[in-house]
C-alpha atoms as a PDB file:
ATOM      1  CA  MET A   1      19.932  17.002 -17.004  1.00  0.00           C
ATOM      2  CA  THR A   2      22.917  14.524 -16.667  1.00  0.00           C
ATOM      3  CA  GLU A   3      26.047  14.215 -14.131  1.00  0.00           C
ATOM      4  CA  ARG A   4      28.597  14.703 -17.785  1.00  0.00           C
ATOM      5  CA  ASP A   5      25.939  17.531 -18.501  1.00  0.00           C
ATOM      6  CA  PRO A   6      28.446  20.724 -19.405  1.00  0.00           C
ATOM      7  CA  ARG A   7      26.056  22.738 -17.362  1.00  0.00           C
ATOM      8  CA  GLN A   8      26.662  21.792 -14.174  1.00  0.00           C
ATOM      9  CA  LEU A   9      31.028  21.051 -15.163  1.00  0.00           C
ATOM     10  CA  ALA A  10      31.276  24.361 -16.214  1.00  0.00           C
ATOM     11  CA  ASN A  11      29.887  26.084 -13.047  1.00  0.00           C
ATOM     12  CA  LEU A  12      32.769  26.573 -10.559  1.00  0.00           C
ATOM     13  CA  ASP A  13      31.022  27.877  -7.505  1.00  0.00           C
ATOM     14  CA  GLU A  14      29.609  24.691  -7.312  1.00  0.00           C
ATOM     15  CA  ASN A  15      31.855  22.509  -8.809  1.00  0.00           C
ATOM     16  CA  PRO A  16      35.273  23.402  -8.350  1.00  0.00           C
ATOM     17  CA  VAL A  17      37.229  22.301 -11.408  1.00  0.00           C
ATOM     18  CA  ARG A  18      41.089  20.982 -10.764  1.00  0.00           C
ATOM     19  CA  GLY A  19      43.667  20.840 -12.699  1.00  0.00           C
ATOM     20  CA  PRO A  20      44.112  21.037 -16.695  1.00  0.00           C
ATOM     21  CA  VAL A  21      40.630  22.288 -17.850  1.00  0.00           C
ATOM     22  CA  LEU A  22      39.359  22.903 -21.410  1.00  0.00           C
ATOM     23  CA  HIS A  23      38.050  26.422 -21.857  1.00  0.00           C
ATOM     24  CA  LEU A  24      35.175  25.874 -24.546  1.00  0.00           C
ATOM     25  CA  ARG A  25      33.140  28.489 -26.939  1.00  0.00           C
ATOM     26  CA  PHE A  26      30.228  26.930 -28.303  1.00  0.00           C
ATOM     27  CA  GLU A  27      26.886  27.827 -29.113  1.00  0.00           C
ATOM     28  CA  GLY A  28      27.047  31.530 -27.209  1.00  0.00           C
ATOM     29  CA  ARG A  29      28.471  29.886 -24.022  1.00  0.00           C
ATOM     30  CA  SER A  30      31.524  29.824 -22.959  1.00  0.00           C
ATOM     31  CA  ARG A  31      31.726  26.631 -20.650  1.00  0.00           C
ATOM     32  CA  ASP A  32      35.429  24.881 -18.472  1.00  0.00           C
ATOM     33  CA  ILE A  33      35.707  21.359 -18.699  1.00  0.00           C
ATOM     34  CA  ALA A  34      38.529  19.578 -16.644  1.00  0.00           C
ATOM     35  CA  LEU A  35      40.493  17.865 -19.668  1.00  0.00           C
ATOM     36  CA  ASP A  36      39.837  14.427 -17.156  1.00  0.00           C
ATOM     37  CA  ILE A  37      36.428  14.424 -17.398  1.00  0.00           C
ATOM     38  CA  LEU A  38      37.372  14.346 -21.431  1.00  0.00           C
ATOM     39  CA  ASP A  39      39.989  11.171 -21.305  1.00  0.00           C
ATOM     40  CA  LEU A  40      42.597  14.006 -23.001  1.00  0.00           C
ATOM     41  CA  GLY A  41      46.058  15.410 -21.819  1.00  0.00           C
ATOM     42  CA  THR A  42      47.689  18.283 -22.105  1.00  0.00           C
ATOM     43  CA  GLY A  43      49.204  16.845 -25.150  1.00  0.00           C
ATOM     44  CA  SER A  44      46.134  15.310 -26.943  1.00  0.00           C
ATOM     45  CA  SER A  45      45.568  16.095 -30.358  1.00  0.00           C
ATOM     46  CA  ASP A  46      43.727  18.774 -31.764  1.00  0.00           C
ATOM     47  CA  ASP A  47      41.647  15.856 -33.433  1.00  0.00           C
ATOM     48  CA  ALA A  48      41.601  13.962 -30.491  1.00  0.00           C
ATOM     49  CA  VAL A  49      40.119  17.183 -28.802  1.00  0.00           C
ATOM     50  CA  ARG A  50      38.201  17.743 -31.526  1.00  0.00           C
ATOM     51  CA  SER A  51      36.404  14.622 -31.386  1.00  0.00           C
ATOM     52  CA  ALA A  52      36.165  14.524 -27.173  1.00  0.00           C
ATOM     53  CA  VAL A  53      34.401  17.297 -27.331  1.00  0.00           C
ATOM     54  CA  ALA A  54      31.268  16.404 -30.079  1.00  0.00           C
ATOM     55  CA  LYS A  55      31.038  12.675 -28.115  1.00  0.00           C
ATOM     56  CA  PHE A  56      30.650  14.420 -24.789  1.00  0.00           C
ATOM     57  CA  LEU A  57      28.325  16.897 -25.399  1.00  0.00           C
ATOM     58  CA  ASP A  58      26.251  14.309 -27.957  1.00  0.00           C
ATOM     59  CA  VAL A  59      26.936  16.628 -30.966  1.00  0.00           C
ATOM     60  CA  PRO A  60      28.418  15.456 -34.746  1.00  0.00           C
ATOM     61  CA  LEU A  61      31.667  16.389 -35.465  1.00  0.00           C
ATOM     62  CA  ALA A  62      31.353  18.308 -37.999  1.00  0.00           C
ATOM     63  CA  ARG A  63      30.390  20.941 -36.166  1.00  0.00           C
ATOM     64  CA  PHE A  64      33.421  21.614 -34.677  1.00  0.00           C
ATOM     65  CA  ARG A  65      35.395  21.521 -38.312  1.00  0.00           C
ATOM     66  CA  ASP A  66      36.322  25.009 -38.172  1.00  0.00           C
ATOM     67  CA  TYR A  67      37.711  25.339 -34.818  1.00  0.00           C
ATOM     68  CA  VAL A  68      40.743  25.828 -33.621  1.00  0.00           C
ATOM     69  CA  VAL A  69      42.741  24.805 -30.324  1.00  0.00           C
ATOM     70  CA  GLU A  70      44.765  27.019 -28.542  1.00  0.00           C
ATOM     71  CA  ARG A  71      47.193  25.584 -26.020  1.00  0.00           C
ATOM     72  CA  HIS A  72      48.461  27.706 -22.674  1.00  0.00           C
ATOM     73  CA  GLU A  73      51.482  27.488 -20.869  1.00  0.00           C
ATOM     74  CA  ASN A  74      49.263  26.912 -17.488  1.00  0.00           C
ATOM     75  CA  GLY A  75      48.405  23.488 -19.536  1.00  0.00           C
ATOM     76  CA  ASN A  76      44.604  24.924 -19.773  1.00  0.00           C
ATOM     77  CA  LEU A  77      43.589  24.587 -23.605  1.00  0.00           C
ATOM     78  CA  THR A  78      40.463  26.268 -25.851  1.00  0.00           C
ATOM     79  CA  LEU A  79      38.251  25.555 -28.376  1.00  0.00           C
ATOM     80  CA  ARG A  80      37.149  27.901 -29.874  1.00  0.00           C
ATOM     81  CA  PRO A  81      35.470  29.093 -33.627  1.00  0.00           C
ATOM     82  CA  GLU A  82      37.952  30.310 -36.487  1.00  0.00           C
ATOM     83  CA  ALA A  83      38.432  34.596 -35.741  1.00  0.00           C
ATOM     84  CA  VAL A  84      37.357  36.042 -39.040  1.00  0.00           C
ATOM     85  CA  PHE A  85      38.637  39.399 -39.902  1.00  0.00           C
ATOM     86  CA  GLY A  86      37.953  41.844 -41.933  1.00  0.00           C
END
């Protein structure tokens, strides 16, 4: 496990996240990653968010092609798969 391992960074009991976070839903798991770790700000573009997360997780950017970025009033972001209804 590396020091940037999202499993460690998302463990809020041991490593409380301060400031805005990105809530990520990926591969059936949810995790929170501080925006500053991703070198993102609350005004970062959707493409920048997807790119930073792909780089952080060391997965191809294409894995996030259909992911949606939600922006919350408190400055947090959510990156999640696009919801399909019907």
